[in-house]
C-alpha atoms as a PDB file:
ATOM      1  CA  VAL A   1      17.672 -38.084 -29.399  1.00  0.00           C
ATOM      2  CA  CYS A   2      15.634 -40.879 -30.641  1.00  0.00           C
ATOM      3  CA  LEU A   3      17.802 -42.289 -27.537  1.00  0.00           C
ATOM      4  CA  MET A   4      17.093 -40.389 -24.672  1.00  0.00           C
ATOM      5  CA  PRO A   5      13.728 -41.114 -23.622  1.00  0.00           C
ATOM      6  CA  GLY A   6      14.796 -45.171 -23.471  1.00  0.00           C
ATOM      7  CA  TRP A   7      18.025 -43.980 -22.508  1.00  0.00           C
ATOM      8  CA  ILE A   8      16.479 -41.998 -18.682  1.00  0.00           C
ATOM      9  CA  ASP A   9      13.866 -44.785 -18.930  1.00  0.00           C
ATOM     10  CA  ILE A  10      16.642 -47.605 -18.156  1.00  0.00           C
ATOM     11  CA  SER A  11      18.583 -45.018 -15.756  1.00  0.00           C
ATOM     12  CA  GLU A  12      16.140 -43.894 -13.763  1.00  0.00           C
ATOM     13  CA  GLY A  13      17.850 -44.418 -10.245  1.00  0.00           C
ATOM     14  CA  SER A  14      21.416 -44.652 -11.443  1.00  0.00           C
ATOM     15  CA  THR A  15      24.432 -42.417 -10.552  1.00  0.00           C
ATOM     16  CA  TYR A  16      25.218 -42.799 -13.981  1.00  0.00           C
ATOM     17  CA  GLN A  17      22.814 -41.243 -15.306  1.00  0.00           C
ATOM     18  CA  PHE A  18      24.110 -38.264 -16.253  1.00  0.00           C
ATOM     19  CA  THR A  19      26.486 -40.137 -18.786  1.00  0.00           C
ATOM     20  CA  ALA A  20      23.611 -40.815 -21.141  1.00  0.00           C
ATOM     21  CA  PHE A  21      23.061 -37.078 -21.159  1.00  0.00           C
ATOM     22  CA  LEU A  22      26.641 -35.847 -21.714  1.00  0.00           C
ATOM     23  CA  SER A  23      27.435 -38.292 -24.475  1.00  0.00           C
ATOM     24  CA  ALA A  24      23.834 -36.741 -26.100  1.00  0.00           C
ATOM     25  CA  MET A  25      25.594 -33.903 -25.355  1.00  0.00           C
ATOM     26  CA  GLY A  26      28.792 -35.077 -27.694  1.00  0.00           C
ATOM     27  CA  LEU A  27      26.647 -36.005 -30.406  1.00  0.00           C
ATOM     28  CA  ALA A  28      24.917 -32.794 -30.674  1.00  0.00           C
ATOM     29  CA  PHE A  29      28.599 -31.070 -31.495  1.00  0.00           C
ATOM     30  CA  VAL A  30      28.716 -33.514 -33.813  1.00  0.00           C
ATOM     31  CA  GLY A  31      25.447 -32.286 -35.770  1.00  0.00           C
ATOM     32  CA  ALA A  32      26.312 -28.442 -34.972  1.00  0.00           C
ATOM     33  CA  ALA A  33      29.677 -29.167 -36.782  1.00  0.00           C
ATOM     34  CA  PRO A  34      28.847 -31.675 -39.905  1.00  0.00           C
ATOM     35  CA  MET A  35      31.437 -30.284 -42.851  1.00  0.00           C
ATOM     36  CA  PHE A  36      34.185 -31.494 -40.424  1.00  0.00           C
ATOM     37  CA  LEU A  37      36.422 -32.389 -43.800  1.00  0.00           C
ATOM     38  CA  ARG A  38      36.267 -28.807 -45.269  1.00  0.00           C
ATOM     39  CA  ASP A  39      37.177 -26.931 -42.554  1.00  0.00           C
ATOM     40  CA  ASP A  40      40.064 -26.964 -39.766  1.00  0.00           C
ATOM     41  CA  ASN A  41      38.602 -25.258 -37.212  1.00  0.00           C
ATOM     42  CA  ILE A  42      35.333 -26.976 -36.856  1.00  0.00           C
ATOM     43  CA  LYS A  43      37.361 -30.221 -37.244  1.00  0.00           C
ATOM     44  CA  GLY A  44      38.258 -29.360 -33.683  1.00  0.00           C
ATOM     45  CA  VAL A  45      34.438 -28.851 -32.569  1.00  0.00           C
ATOM     46  CA  HIS A  46      33.518 -32.808 -34.315  1.00  0.00           C
ATOM     47  CA  MET A  47      36.144 -35.154 -33.471  1.00  0.00           C
ATOM     48  CA  ILE A  48      35.926 -33.665 -29.643  1.00  0.00           C
ATOM     49  CA  GLY A  49      32.054 -34.324 -29.821  1.00  0.00           C
ATOM     50  CA  ALA A  50      32.496 -37.613 -31.249  1.00  0.00           C
ATOM     51  CA  LEU A  51      34.926 -38.619 -28.982  1.00  0.00           C
ATOM     52  CA  VAL A  52      32.924 -37.836 -25.556  1.00  0.00           C
ATOM     53  CA  SER A  53      29.452 -39.137 -26.929  1.00  0.00           C
ATOM     54  CA  ALA A  54      30.512 -42.084 -28.061  1.00  0.00           C
ATOM     55  CA  LEU A  55      33.432 -42.648 -24.420  1.00  0.00           C
ATOM     56  CA  PHE A  56      29.790 -41.546 -22.628  1.00  0.00           C
ATOM     57  CA  ALA A  57      27.894 -44.137 -24.598  1.00  0.00           C
ATOM     58  CA  ILE A  58      30.887 -46.458 -23.530  1.00  0.00           C
ATOM     59  CA  LEU A  59      30.316 -45.528 -20.210  1.00  0.00           C
ATOM     60  CA  TRP A  60      26.673 -45.853 -19.977  1.00  0.00           C
ATOM     61  CA  ILE A  61      26.675 -49.434 -21.524  1.00  0.00           C
ATOM     62  CA  LEU A  62      29.476 -50.854 -18.528  1.00  0.00           C
ATOM     63  CA  LEU A  63      27.865 -48.683 -15.751  1.00  0.00           C
ATOM     64  CA  VAL A  64      23.993 -48.988 -16.470  1.00  0.00           C
ATOM     65  CA  SER A  65      22.896 -51.593 -18.666  1.00  0.00           C
ATOM     66  CA  HIS A  66      26.030 -53.850 -17.740  1.00  0.00           C
ATOM     67  CA  THR A  67      25.497 -55.497 -21.260  1.00  0.00           C
ATOM     68  CA  TRP A  68      29.161 -55.446 -21.424  1.00  0.00           C
ATOM     69  CA  ASP A  69      29.092 -58.301 -23.943  1.00  0.00           C
ATOM     70  CA  ILE A  70      26.947 -57.005 -26.798  1.00  0.00           C
ATOM     71  CA  LEU A  71      29.453 -53.546 -26.490  1.00  0.00           C
ATOM     72  CA  ILE A  72      32.683 -56.274 -27.370  1.00  0.00           C
ATOM     73  CA  ILE A  73      30.647 -57.889 -30.344  1.00  0.00           C
ATOM     74  CA  CYS A  74      30.347 -54.685 -31.595  1.00  0.00           C
ATOM     75  CA  CYS A  75      33.418 -53.692 -31.159  1.00  0.00           C
ATOM     76  CA  LEU A  76      34.812 -56.655 -33.274  1.00  0.00           C
ATOM     77  CA  LEU A  77      32.613 -56.267 -35.766  1.00  0.00           C
ATOM     78  CA  CYS A  78      33.504 -52.364 -36.258  1.00  0.00           C
ATOM     79  CA  LEU A  79      36.937 -53.863 -36.088  1.00  0.00           C
ATOM     80  CA  LEU A  80      36.731 -56.323 -38.778  1.00  0.00           C
ATOM     81  CA  LEU A  81      35.117 -53.742 -41.108  1.00  0.00           C
ATOM     82  CA  MET A  82      37.886 -51.002 -40.633  1.00  0.00           C
ATOM     83  CA  PHE A  83      40.447 -53.071 -41.231  1.00  0.00           C
ATOM     84  CA  VAL A  84      38.560 -55.285 -44.376  1.00  0.00           C
ATOM     85  CA  THR A  85      37.615 -51.538 -45.969  1.00  0.00           C
ATOM     86  CA  LYS A  86      41.021 -49.789 -45.114  1.00  0.00           C
ATOM     87  CA  THR A  87      40.114 -46.849 -42.871  1.00  0.00           C
ATOM     88  CA  VAL A  88      42.046 -47.853 -40.064  1.00  0.00           C
ATOM     89  CA  LYS A  89      44.320 -44.492 -39.550  1.00  0.00           C
ATOM     90  CA  THR A  90      41.996 -42.294 -41.817  1.00  0.00           C
ATOM     91  CA  SER A  91      38.557 -42.739 -39.785  1.00  0.00           C
ATOM     92  CA  TYR A  92      39.006 -44.652 -36.606  1.00  0.00           C
ATOM     93  CA  VAL A  93      36.634 -42.118 -34.654  1.00  0.00           C
ATOM     94  CA  TYR A  94      34.037 -42.882 -36.542  1.00  0.00           C
ATOM     95  CA  TRP A  95      34.993 -46.694 -36.389  1.00  0.00           C
ATOM     96  CA  LEU A  96      35.219 -45.908 -32.126  1.00  0.00           C
ATOM     97  CA  GLU A  97      31.292 -44.000 -33.035  1.00  0.00           C
ATOM     98  CA  THR A  98      29.363 -46.881 -34.721  1.00  0.00           C
ATOM     99  CA  ALA A  99      30.587 -49.491 -32.362  1.00  0.00           C
ATOM    100  CA  ALA A 100      29.334 -47.029 -29.229  1.00  0.00           C
ATOM    101  CA  PHE A 101      26.470 -46.418 -30.867  1.00  0.00           C
ATOM    102  CA  LEU A 102      25.431 -49.560 -32.042  1.00  0.00           C
ATOM    103  CA  SER A 103      25.846 -51.160 -28.461  1.00  0.00           C
ATOM    104  CA  THR A 104      23.678 -48.445 -27.083  1.00  0.00           C
ATOM    105  CA  PHE A 105      20.694 -49.684 -29.685  1.00  0.00           C
ATOM    106  CA  ILE A 106      20.477 -52.883 -29.344  1.00  0.00           C
ATOM    107  CA  SER A 107      21.995 -52.450 -25.243  1.00  0.00           C
ATOM    108  CA  ILE A 108      18.273 -50.185 -25.059  1.00  0.00           C
ATOM    109  CA  LEU A 109      16.613 -52.907 -27.309  1.00  0.00           C
ATOM    110  CA  LYS A 110      17.604 -55.900 -25.263  1.00  0.00           C
ATOM    111  CA  TYR A 111      16.158 -54.146 -22.154  1.00  0.00           C
ATOM    112  CA  TYR A 112      12.381 -53.836 -23.962  1.00  0.00           C
ATOM    113  CA  TYR A 113      12.367 -56.781 -25.491  1.00  0.00           C
ATOM    114  CA  ALA A 114      13.564 -58.720 -21.895  1.00  0.00           C
ATOM    115  CA  ILE A 115      10.839 -57.183 -20.166  1.00  0.00           C
ATOM    116  CA  SER A 116       8.045 -57.742 -22.303  1.00  0.00           C
END
């Protein structure tokens, strides 16, 4: 929800503005299924929502904000943390989502501070 005003402002007039909405929609499903470790039915909703959210956040970065350098740095940082914490097999979706949203936040902040 906090990202939407920035996403809409930056995406205004872009053909790919829908990626911000689909990313937020995926995140809404993640929030609607917080108990995913206890129930296998909810786990599917949570995981698919997380993947959709991360995928469209990454697409927004590549197609609208064009800050792929920030995306690569965040992905490498999360990859390093994934191996250091030894959660490669158990939490890869979490790390993908973390990299996607960290780079999205940084891209939006970079946009606003570059204008000022």
